[in-house]
Amino acid sequence: MNLSDSGPSTSPDSVIDAVLSASRVLVAVAARSLADVAEEVTLTQYRTLVVLASRGPQNLAGLAEAVGVTPATTTRMCDRLVRKDLIRRRTERDDRRHLRVMLTEKGRALVDAVTDRRRREIERIMNEIPPEEQVVLIQALGRLATAAGEVPEQDWSSGWDL
């Protein structure tokens, strides 16, 4: 980041460069937190589990859209996750053509374990940043998450006991 007498540069390129740099750090943290479950799930399968954890049971079309894959890919992926006992399917009582998928206890445990590992590593990193700077970071990252359409953790964590 370019520092001057007036503080950090806020030019569009500087902001983008700072976010890219932070995203590389967070991708590395995410990759390390998934290392222990890499043989059990792919990154896309894990993202599917996180969507189900954060948004609750989903129909296949909604899940496909949330994960960013085709409905056919979602169907195959869900087949694999059902076989691994990480999700289960349920048909609606009123219309058996409507199928919803949800996390199993094993799926919740996997997401919890990865989240705990990620949280510990982020805590270690944050301990290197002075508290007064952490306040600014909280605000900026909150705005970034909102702009990206991310569901705030407090809005979904109570639904599956983080």
N, C-alpha and C. Protein backbone atom coordinates (compact mmCIF):
# COMPACT_ATOMS: atom_id res chain seq x y z
N MET A 1 0.84 -1.17 0.00
CA MET A 1 0.00 0.00 0.00
C MET A 1 0.88 1.23 0.00
N ASN A 2 0.53 2.25 -0.78
CA ASN A 2 1.31 3.49 -0.84
C ASN A 2 0.93 4.39 0.32
N LEU A 3 1.92 4.70 1.17
CA LEU A 3 1.66 5.58 2.30
C LEU A 3 2.21 6.96 2.00
N SER A 4 1.44 7.95 2.34
CA SER A 4 1.88 9.34 2.21
C SER A 4 1.57 10.05 3.52
N ASP A 5 1.81 11.35 3.55
CA ASP A 5 1.53 12.12 4.77
C ASP A 5 0.06 12.04 5.14
N SER A 6 -0.81 11.89 4.16
CA SER A 6 -2.24 11.86 4.45
C SER A 6 -2.75 10.45 4.72
N GLY A 7 -1.88 9.46 4.74
CA GLY A 7 -2.30 8.09 5.03
C GLY A 7 -2.28 7.24 3.78
N PRO A 8 -2.89 6.07 3.87
CA PRO A 8 -2.87 5.14 2.74
C PRO A 8 -3.60 5.71 1.53
N SER A 9 -3.12 5.34 0.34
CA SER A 9 -3.77 5.76 -0.89
C SER A 9 -5.11 5.05 -1.01
N THR A 10 -6.11 5.77 -1.51
CA THR A 10 -7.43 5.16 -1.71
C THR A 10 -7.80 5.15 -3.19
N SER A 11 -6.79 5.20 -4.05
CA SER A 11 -7.08 5.12 -5.47
C SER A 11 -7.68 3.74 -5.74
N PRO A 12 -8.51 3.63 -6.78
CA PRO A 12 -9.12 2.32 -7.09
C PRO A 12 -8.09 1.20 -7.21
N ASP A 13 -6.96 1.46 -7.86
CA ASP A 13 -5.94 0.41 -7.99
C ASP A 13 -5.36 0.01 -6.64
N SER A 14 -5.14 0.98 -5.75
CA SER A 14 -4.60 0.67 -4.43
C SER A 14 -5.57 -0.17 -3.61
N VAL A 15 -6.84 0.16 -3.70
CA VAL A 15 -7.86 -0.59 -2.97
C VAL A 15 -7.93 -2.02 -3.52
N ILE A 16 -7.96 -2.15 -4.83
CA ILE A 16 -8.01 -3.48 -5.45
C ILE A 16 -6.77 -4.28 -5.10
N ASP A 17 -5.59 -3.66 -5.16
CA ASP A 17 -4.36 -4.36 -4.80
C ASP A 17 -4.38 -4.84 -3.34
N ALA A 18 -4.90 -4.00 -2.44
CA ALA A 18 -4.97 -4.37 -1.03
C ALA A 18 -5.93 -5.55 -0.82
N VAL A 19 -7.08 -5.52 -1.51
CA VAL A 19 -8.04 -6.61 -1.39
C VAL A 19 -7.48 -7.89 -2.00
N LEU A 20 -6.80 -7.78 -3.14
CA LEU A 20 -6.16 -8.96 -3.75
C LEU A 20 -5.13 -9.57 -2.80
N SER A 21 -4.33 -8.73 -2.18
CA SER A 21 -3.33 -9.22 -1.24
C SER A 21 -3.99 -9.92 -0.05
N ALA A 22 -5.03 -9.30 0.50
CA ALA A 22 -5.75 -9.92 1.62
C ALA A 22 -6.43 -11.21 1.18
N SER A 23 -6.94 -11.24 -0.05
CA SER A 23 -7.61 -12.46 -0.52
C SER A 23 -6.62 -13.61 -0.66
N ARG A 24 -5.39 -13.31 -1.06
CA ARG A 24 -4.37 -14.37 -1.13
C ARG A 24 -4.10 -14.96 0.24
N VAL A 25 -4.03 -14.09 1.24
CA VAL A 25 -3.82 -14.56 2.61
C VAL A 25 -4.99 -15.43 3.05
N LEU A 26 -6.21 -14.98 2.79
CA LEU A 26 -7.40 -15.72 3.23
C LEU A 26 -7.57 -17.04 2.47
N VAL A 27 -7.20 -17.05 1.19
CA VAL A 27 -7.25 -18.31 0.43
C VAL A 27 -6.25 -19.30 1.02
N ALA A 28 -5.08 -18.83 1.38
CA ALA A 28 -4.09 -19.72 1.99
C ALA A 28 -4.60 -20.26 3.34
N VAL A 29 -5.21 -19.41 4.13
CA VAL A 29 -5.78 -19.85 5.40
C VAL A 29 -6.88 -20.88 5.14
N ALA A 30 -7.74 -20.61 4.16
CA ALA A 30 -8.82 -21.54 3.82
C ALA A 30 -8.27 -22.88 3.36
N ALA A 31 -7.25 -22.84 2.52
CA ALA A 31 -6.66 -24.08 2.02
C ALA A 31 -6.06 -24.90 3.16
N ARG A 32 -5.36 -24.23 4.07
CA ARG A 32 -4.78 -24.96 5.20
C ARG A 32 -5.86 -25.53 6.11
N SER A 33 -6.96 -24.81 6.28
CA SER A 33 -8.02 -25.30 7.16
C SER A 33 -8.75 -26.49 6.56
N LEU A 34 -8.69 -26.63 5.23
CA LEU A 34 -9.32 -27.76 4.55
C LEU A 34 -8.39 -28.95 4.37
N ALA A 35 -7.13 -28.78 4.70
CA ALA A 35 -6.14 -29.82 4.43
C ALA A 35 -6.51 -31.17 5.06
N ASP A 36 -7.03 -31.15 6.27
CA ASP A 36 -7.36 -32.40 6.95
C ASP A 36 -8.56 -33.13 6.35
N VAL A 37 -9.40 -32.41 5.61
CA VAL A 37 -10.59 -33.04 5.02
C VAL A 37 -10.51 -33.13 3.51
N ALA A 38 -9.34 -32.82 2.95
CA ALA A 38 -9.19 -32.77 1.49
C ALA A 38 -9.50 -34.10 0.82
N GLU A 39 -9.23 -35.20 1.49
CA GLU A 39 -9.54 -36.49 0.90
C GLU A 39 -11.03 -36.81 0.99
N GLU A 40 -11.72 -36.16 1.92
CA GLU A 40 -13.14 -36.44 2.12
C GLU A 40 -14.03 -35.59 1.20
N VAL A 41 -13.66 -34.32 1.01
CA VAL A 41 -14.48 -33.44 0.17
C VAL A 41 -13.62 -32.55 -0.71
N THR A 42 -14.17 -32.19 -1.86
CA THR A 42 -13.52 -31.22 -2.74
C THR A 42 -13.88 -29.82 -2.24
N LEU A 43 -13.23 -28.82 -2.80
CA LEU A 43 -13.54 -27.44 -2.43
C LEU A 43 -14.99 -27.10 -2.75
N THR A 44 -15.48 -27.52 -3.92
CA THR A 44 -16.87 -27.23 -4.30
C THR A 44 -17.84 -27.97 -3.37
N GLN A 45 -17.51 -29.20 -3.01
CA GLN A 45 -18.37 -29.93 -2.07
C GLN A 45 -18.38 -29.22 -0.72
N TYR A 46 -17.24 -28.74 -0.28
CA TYR A 46 -17.19 -28.02 0.99
C TYR A 46 -18.02 -26.74 0.91
N ARG A 47 -17.90 -26.02 -0.19
CA ARG A 47 -18.70 -24.80 -0.35
C ARG A 47 -20.19 -25.14 -0.28
N THR A 48 -20.58 -26.28 -0.85
CA THR A 48 -21.97 -26.73 -0.78
C THR A 48 -22.39 -26.95 0.67
N LEU A 49 -21.53 -27.58 1.45
CA LEU A 49 -21.83 -27.81 2.86
C LEU A 49 -21.98 -26.48 3.61
N VAL A 50 -21.12 -25.52 3.28
CA VAL A 50 -21.20 -24.21 3.93
C VAL A 50 -22.49 -23.50 3.56
N VAL A 51 -22.89 -23.58 2.29
CA VAL A 51 -24.17 -22.97 1.88
C VAL A 51 -25.31 -23.59 2.66
N LEU A 52 -25.33 -24.91 2.77
CA LEU A 52 -26.40 -25.57 3.52
C LEU A 52 -26.35 -25.19 5.00
N ALA A 53 -25.15 -25.04 5.55
CA ALA A 53 -25.01 -24.64 6.94
C ALA A 53 -25.50 -23.21 7.15
N SER A 54 -25.20 -22.34 6.20
CA SER A 54 -25.53 -20.92 6.38
C SER A 54 -26.95 -20.57 5.98
N ARG A 55 -27.53 -21.31 5.04
CA ARG A 55 -28.85 -20.96 4.52
C ARG A 55 -29.92 -22.00 4.84
N GLY A 56 -29.53 -23.10 5.43
CA GLY A 56 -30.48 -24.15 5.76
C GLY A 56 -30.80 -25.01 4.56
N PRO A 57 -31.77 -25.91 4.71
CA PRO A 57 -32.13 -26.82 3.61
C PRO A 57 -32.43 -26.05 2.33
N GLN A 58 -31.99 -26.61 1.21
CA GLN A 58 -32.14 -25.97 -0.09
C GLN A 58 -32.71 -26.94 -1.10
N ASN A 59 -33.43 -26.40 -2.09
CA ASN A 59 -33.77 -27.25 -3.23
C ASN A 59 -32.54 -27.26 -4.15
N LEU A 60 -32.51 -28.19 -5.08
CA LEU A 60 -31.31 -28.35 -5.90
C LEU A 60 -31.04 -27.13 -6.78
N ALA A 61 -32.08 -26.50 -7.30
CA ALA A 61 -31.88 -25.33 -8.15
C ALA A 61 -31.28 -24.17 -7.35
N GLY A 62 -31.81 -23.94 -6.16
CA GLY A 62 -31.27 -22.87 -5.32
C GLY A 62 -29.85 -23.14 -4.87
N LEU A 63 -29.58 -24.40 -4.57
CA LEU A 63 -28.22 -24.78 -4.17
C LEU A 63 -27.25 -24.60 -5.32
N ALA A 64 -27.66 -25.01 -6.52
CA ALA A 64 -26.81 -24.85 -7.70
C ALA A 64 -26.47 -23.38 -7.92
N GLU A 65 -27.47 -22.52 -7.80
CA GLU A 65 -27.24 -21.09 -7.99
C GLU A 65 -26.31 -20.53 -6.91
N ALA A 66 -26.52 -20.93 -5.66
CA ALA A 66 -25.70 -20.42 -4.56
C ALA A 66 -24.24 -20.85 -4.67
N VAL A 67 -24.02 -22.07 -5.15
CA VAL A 67 -22.66 -22.59 -5.27
C VAL A 67 -22.02 -22.15 -6.59
N GLY A 68 -22.85 -21.84 -7.58
CA GLY A 68 -22.32 -21.39 -8.87
C GLY A 68 -21.99 -22.52 -9.81
N VAL A 69 -22.78 -23.59 -9.75
CA VAL A 69 -22.61 -24.72 -10.66
C VAL A 69 -23.95 -25.04 -11.31
N THR A 70 -23.93 -25.90 -12.31
CA THR A 70 -25.16 -26.26 -13.00
C THR A 70 -26.00 -27.19 -12.14
N PRO A 71 -27.31 -27.25 -12.38
CA PRO A 71 -28.15 -28.20 -11.64
C PRO A 71 -27.68 -29.65 -11.80
N ALA A 72 -27.23 -30.02 -12.99
CA ALA A 72 -26.76 -31.40 -13.20
C ALA A 72 -25.52 -31.68 -12.34
N THR A 73 -24.61 -30.72 -12.25
CA THR A 73 -23.43 -30.87 -11.40
C THR A 73 -23.85 -30.98 -9.95
N THR A 74 -24.82 -30.17 -9.55
CA THR A 74 -25.32 -30.21 -8.17
C THR A 74 -25.90 -31.58 -7.85
N THR A 75 -26.65 -32.14 -8.76
CA THR A 75 -27.24 -33.46 -8.53
C THR A 75 -26.16 -34.50 -8.31
N ARG A 76 -25.14 -34.52 -9.17
CA ARG A 76 -24.04 -35.49 -9.02
C ARG A 76 -23.27 -35.25 -7.72
N MET A 77 -23.02 -33.98 -7.41
CA MET A 77 -22.29 -33.67 -6.20
C MET A 77 -23.09 -34.09 -4.96
N CYS A 78 -24.38 -33.85 -4.98
CA CYS A 78 -25.22 -34.25 -3.85
C CYS A 78 -25.26 -35.77 -3.71
N ASP A 79 -25.27 -36.49 -4.83
CA ASP A 79 -25.19 -37.95 -4.77
C ASP A 79 -23.95 -38.37 -3.98
N ARG A 80 -22.83 -37.76 -4.28
CA ARG A 80 -21.57 -38.10 -3.60
C ARG A 80 -21.63 -37.73 -2.11
N LEU A 81 -22.19 -36.55 -1.83
CA LEU A 81 -22.27 -36.11 -0.43
C LEU A 81 -23.24 -36.97 0.38
N VAL A 82 -24.30 -37.47 -0.25
CA VAL A 82 -25.22 -38.39 0.42
C VAL A 82 -24.49 -39.69 0.74
N ARG A 83 -23.74 -40.22 -0.23
CA ARG A 83 -22.98 -41.46 0.00
C ARG A 83 -21.97 -41.31 1.13
N LYS A 84 -21.44 -40.10 1.31
CA LYS A 84 -20.48 -39.85 2.39
C LYS A 84 -21.18 -39.51 3.71
N ASP A 85 -22.52 -39.51 3.70
CA ASP A 85 -23.34 -39.19 4.87
C ASP A 85 -23.10 -37.77 5.38
N LEU A 86 -22.82 -36.84 4.46
CA LEU A 86 -22.63 -35.44 4.84
C LEU A 86 -23.89 -34.61 4.63
N ILE A 87 -24.75 -35.06 3.73
CA ILE A 87 -26.06 -34.42 3.53
C ILE A 87 -27.10 -35.52 3.38
N ARG A 88 -28.36 -35.12 3.47
CA ARG A 88 -29.46 -36.05 3.18
C ARG A 88 -30.49 -35.32 2.34
N ARG A 89 -31.24 -36.09 1.60
CA ARG A 89 -32.31 -35.56 0.76
C ARG A 89 -33.64 -35.79 1.46
N ARG A 90 -34.57 -34.88 1.21
CA ARG A 90 -35.92 -35.03 1.74
C ARG A 90 -36.90 -34.53 0.70
N THR A 91 -37.93 -35.30 0.46
CA THR A 91 -38.98 -34.84 -0.45
C THR A 91 -40.03 -34.10 0.36
N GLU A 92 -40.65 -33.14 -0.26
CA GLU A 92 -41.71 -32.38 0.39
C GLU A 92 -42.96 -33.25 0.50
N ARG A 93 -43.64 -33.17 1.62
CA ARG A 93 -44.86 -33.97 1.82
C ARG A 93 -45.95 -33.61 0.81
N ASP A 94 -46.07 -32.33 0.52
CA ASP A 94 -47.14 -31.87 -0.39
C ASP A 94 -46.86 -32.20 -1.84
N ASP A 95 -45.60 -32.25 -2.22
CA ASP A 95 -45.25 -32.50 -3.62
C ASP A 95 -43.93 -33.27 -3.66
N ARG A 96 -44.01 -34.56 -3.88
CA ARG A 96 -42.83 -35.42 -3.83
C ARG A 96 -41.83 -35.12 -4.94
N ARG A 97 -42.22 -34.30 -5.92
CA ARG A 97 -41.27 -33.91 -6.97
C ARG A 97 -40.27 -32.89 -6.45
N HIS A 98 -40.62 -32.20 -5.38
CA HIS A 98 -39.71 -31.20 -4.80
C HIS A 98 -38.80 -31.86 -3.79
N LEU A 99 -37.52 -31.72 -4.05
CA LEU A 99 -36.49 -32.34 -3.23
C LEU A 99 -35.69 -31.25 -2.54
N ARG A 100 -35.41 -31.45 -1.26
CA ARG A 100 -34.56 -30.52 -0.52
C ARG A 100 -33.40 -31.31 0.06
N VAL A 101 -32.26 -30.66 0.16
CA VAL A 101 -31.09 -31.29 0.77
C VAL A 101 -30.71 -30.51 2.01
N MET A 102 -30.17 -31.22 2.98
CA MET A 102 -29.77 -30.60 4.24
C MET A 102 -28.55 -31.32 4.79
N LEU A 103 -27.86 -30.66 5.70
CA LEU A 103 -26.70 -31.26 6.34
C LEU A 103 -27.11 -32.37 7.29
N THR A 104 -26.25 -33.38 7.40
CA THR A 104 -26.38 -34.38 8.45
C THR A 104 -25.53 -33.93 9.63
N GLU A 105 -25.58 -34.66 10.71
CA GLU A 105 -24.71 -34.34 11.85
C GLU A 105 -23.25 -34.44 11.46
N LYS A 106 -22.91 -35.43 10.65
CA LYS A 106 -21.53 -35.59 10.18
C LYS A 106 -21.12 -34.40 9.32
N GLY A 107 -22.02 -33.91 8.47
CA GLY A 107 -21.74 -32.73 7.65
C GLY A 107 -21.53 -31.50 8.50
N ARG A 108 -22.37 -31.32 9.51
CA ARG A 108 -22.20 -30.18 10.43
C ARG A 108 -20.87 -30.27 11.16
N ALA A 109 -20.52 -31.48 11.59
CA ALA A 109 -19.26 -31.67 12.32
C ALA A 109 -18.07 -31.31 11.43
N LEU A 110 -18.13 -31.68 10.16
CA LEU A 110 -17.04 -31.36 9.24
C LEU A 110 -16.92 -29.85 9.07
N VAL A 111 -18.02 -29.16 8.84
CA VAL A 111 -17.99 -27.70 8.69
C VAL A 111 -17.50 -27.06 9.99
N ASP A 112 -17.96 -27.56 11.13
CA ASP A 112 -17.52 -27.01 12.42
C ASP A 112 -16.01 -27.16 12.59
N ALA A 113 -15.48 -28.34 12.25
CA ALA A 113 -14.05 -28.60 12.43
C ALA A 113 -13.21 -27.68 11.54
N VAL A 114 -13.62 -27.52 10.29
CA VAL A 114 -12.88 -26.64 9.38
C VAL A 114 -12.98 -25.20 9.87
N THR A 115 -14.17 -24.79 10.29
CA THR A 115 -14.36 -23.42 10.79
C THR A 115 -13.50 -23.17 12.02
N ASP A 116 -13.44 -24.14 12.92
CA ASP A 116 -12.60 -23.98 14.12
C ASP A 116 -11.13 -23.81 13.76
N ARG A 117 -10.63 -24.64 12.82
CA ARG A 117 -9.24 -24.51 12.39
C ARG A 117 -8.99 -23.14 11.77
N ARG A 118 -9.91 -22.72 10.91
CA ARG A 118 -9.77 -21.43 10.23
C ARG A 118 -9.80 -20.30 11.25
N ARG A 119 -10.69 -20.40 12.19
CA ARG A 119 -10.84 -19.37 13.22
C ARG A 119 -9.55 -19.23 14.05
N ARG A 120 -8.95 -20.36 14.42
CA ARG A 120 -7.71 -20.31 15.21
C ARG A 120 -6.58 -19.64 14.43
N GLU A 121 -6.49 -19.96 13.14
CA GLU A 121 -5.42 -19.35 12.35
C GLU A 121 -5.65 -17.86 12.14
N ILE A 122 -6.88 -17.47 11.90
CA ILE A 122 -7.19 -16.04 11.74
C ILE A 122 -6.93 -15.31 13.05
N GLU A 123 -7.26 -15.94 14.17
CA GLU A 123 -6.99 -15.32 15.47
C GLU A 123 -5.49 -15.07 15.65
N ARG A 124 -4.68 -16.05 15.24
CA ARG A 124 -3.22 -15.90 15.34
C ARG A 124 -2.75 -14.70 14.51
N ILE A 125 -3.29 -14.56 13.31
CA ILE A 125 -2.93 -13.44 12.43
C ILE A 125 -3.39 -12.12 13.04
N MET A 126 -4.62 -12.10 13.53
CA MET A 126 -5.18 -10.86 14.08
C MET A 126 -4.43 -10.40 15.33
N ASN A 127 -3.85 -11.31 16.06
CA ASN A 127 -3.08 -10.93 17.25
C ASN A 127 -1.85 -10.11 16.89
N GLU A 128 -1.47 -10.12 15.61
CA GLU A 128 -0.34 -9.32 15.14
C GLU A 128 -0.74 -7.89 14.79
N ILE A 129 -2.03 -7.60 14.79
CA ILE A 129 -2.54 -6.28 14.42
C ILE A 129 -3.01 -5.56 15.68
N PRO A 130 -2.56 -4.32 15.88
CA PRO A 130 -2.98 -3.57 17.08
C PRO A 130 -4.50 -3.43 17.15
N PRO A 131 -5.07 -3.47 18.36
CA PRO A 131 -6.53 -3.40 18.53
C PRO A 131 -7.19 -2.20 17.85
N GLU A 132 -6.53 -1.04 17.88
CA GLU A 132 -7.14 0.15 17.25
C GLU A 132 -7.25 -0.01 15.74
N GLU A 133 -6.34 -0.77 15.14
CA GLU A 133 -6.43 -1.03 13.70
C GLU A 133 -7.44 -2.15 13.40
N GLN A 134 -7.66 -3.02 14.36
CA GLN A 134 -8.65 -4.08 14.17
C GLN A 134 -10.05 -3.52 14.02
N VAL A 135 -10.34 -2.43 14.71
CA VAL A 135 -11.66 -1.79 14.61
C VAL A 135 -11.93 -1.36 13.17
N VAL A 136 -10.96 -0.75 12.54
CA VAL A 136 -11.10 -0.30 11.15
C VAL A 136 -11.27 -1.51 10.24
N LEU A 137 -10.52 -2.55 10.51
CA LEU A 137 -10.59 -3.78 9.72
C LEU A 137 -11.98 -4.42 9.83
N ILE A 138 -12.53 -4.45 11.01
CA ILE A 138 -13.88 -5.01 11.22
C ILE A 138 -14.90 -4.27 10.35
N GLN A 139 -14.83 -2.95 10.38
CA GLN A 139 -15.77 -2.15 9.58
C GLN A 139 -15.58 -2.39 8.09
N ALA A 140 -14.34 -2.35 7.64
CA ALA A 140 -14.06 -2.50 6.20
C ALA A 140 -14.44 -3.90 5.71
N LEU A 141 -14.09 -4.93 6.46
CA LEU A 141 -14.42 -6.28 6.02
C LEU A 141 -15.92 -6.53 6.09
N GLY A 142 -16.58 -5.93 7.04
CA GLY A 142 -18.05 -6.03 7.10
C GLY A 142 -18.69 -5.43 5.87
N ARG A 143 -18.19 -4.28 5.45
CA ARG A 143 -18.71 -3.64 4.24
C ARG A 143 -18.40 -4.48 3.00
N LEU A 144 -17.21 -5.06 2.95
CA LEU A 144 -16.84 -5.92 1.83
C LEU A 144 -17.78 -7.13 1.75
N ALA A 145 -18.02 -7.77 2.88
CA ALA A 145 -18.90 -8.94 2.91
C ALA A 145 -20.32 -8.56 2.49
N THR A 146 -20.80 -7.43 2.96
CA THR A 146 -22.14 -6.97 2.58
C THR A 146 -22.22 -6.69 1.09
N ALA A 147 -21.21 -6.01 0.56
CA ALA A 147 -21.20 -5.70 -0.88
C ALA A 147 -21.16 -6.98 -1.72
N ALA A 148 -20.53 -8.03 -1.19
CA ALA A 148 -20.43 -9.30 -1.91
C ALA A 148 -21.68 -10.17 -1.73
N GLY A 149 -22.58 -9.74 -0.84
CA GLY A 149 -23.82 -10.50 -0.62
C GLY A 149 -23.67 -11.63 0.37
N GLU A 150 -22.61 -11.61 1.15
CA GLU A 150 -22.39 -12.68 2.14
C GLU A 150 -23.36 -12.50 3.30
N VAL A 151 -23.86 -13.63 3.80
CA VAL A 151 -24.77 -13.61 4.94
C VAL A 151 -23.93 -13.45 6.20
N PRO A 152 -24.24 -12.44 7.04
CA PRO A 152 -23.46 -12.26 8.27
C PRO A 152 -23.52 -13.50 9.14
N GLU A 153 -22.40 -13.86 9.74
CA GLU A 153 -22.32 -15.09 10.54
C GLU A 153 -23.38 -15.13 11.63
N GLN A 154 -23.63 -14.02 12.29
CA GLN A 154 -24.60 -14.05 13.38
C GLN A 154 -26.01 -14.36 12.87
N ASP A 155 -26.27 -14.15 11.58
CA ASP A 155 -27.58 -14.46 11.03
C ASP A 155 -27.77 -15.93 10.74
N TRP A 156 -26.67 -16.69 10.61
CA TRP A 156 -26.84 -18.10 10.31
C TRP A 156 -26.24 -19.03 11.33
N SER A 157 -25.32 -18.58 12.12
CA SER A 157 -24.64 -19.50 13.03
C SER A 157 -25.58 -20.08 14.07
N SER A 158 -26.60 -19.31 14.49
CA SER A 158 -27.52 -19.83 15.49
C SER A 158 -28.37 -20.96 14.94
N GLY A 159 -28.44 -21.06 13.62
CA GLY A 159 -29.24 -22.12 13.01
C GLY A 159 -28.57 -23.47 12.98
N TRP A 160 -27.27 -23.53 13.26
CA TRP A 160 -26.63 -24.84 13.23
C TRP A 160 -25.53 -24.99 14.25
N ASP A 161 -25.59 -24.17 15.30
CA ASP A 161 -24.71 -24.34 16.45
C ASP A 161 -23.23 -24.37 16.09
N LEU A 162 -22.70 -23.23 15.71
CA LEU A 162 -21.25 -23.15 15.41
C LEU A 162 -20.42 -23.48 16.62
